[in-house]
């Protein structure tokens, strides 16, 4: 393997890798992409050569800086969303980012092994997920949790249940500390978030459950044509 100068790295190898990273960060386009976004082998080989030629630190810093800029751009775009768009939009962006990371991380497997794991005592997925959380999720996590709670309690089924469940579970996978900050929200979707219930709390829990069931029934009656007809019939007989 011939030597790689810093100029070679800057002018040839990193630009190739940067283009590949950009394509992966775009994520799957609807309908979901089924073909190859990039040629994996040449990109893996390029990253491997950079590490072997003592450019690990530069490669890591360039990768993190470039991805960080992308995440900041995403965060800026998300600021213009209406509150009622938050859940669906963050559900989409989280899945897109996780898809992107599943493509990016294998390219830099050798960087992860030689530099991130050994020098930083971490791993590339953790580093990139933390970067995503700090850049995109942390600034809106409180507002997002409020919207999830309000949707669950006041307007159930206004958002597809699988979207809510997937969003909360993905947030927990990205950063389990979110569940510690908002245990009541996460407890509805993640087992074991709350401590075991004590006996004196059981009656309160039963009351809350009954109130929620009543709310769900009322929501169904209000939204269902059959339910509305039943309410009208009841009014006519009173």
Foldseek 3Di string as FASTA:
>chain_A
DDAADPCNCVPPLVVVLLVLLVQLLVFADPVGDDDDSDDQVVLLVSLVVCVVNPNLVVNVVVVLVSLLVVLLVVQVVCVPDDLVCVLVVLLVNLVRVVSSCVRSQVSNVVSQVPPCCPPVVHGDVLVSLVSNCVRHPVVCVVSVLVSLVCCLQQPDPPDPPVSSLSSLVSVCVSPVVSCVVVVVSSVVRDPPSDPDDDPVCVVVVVVVVVVSVVNVVVNCLVPDPVSVVVVVVVVVVD
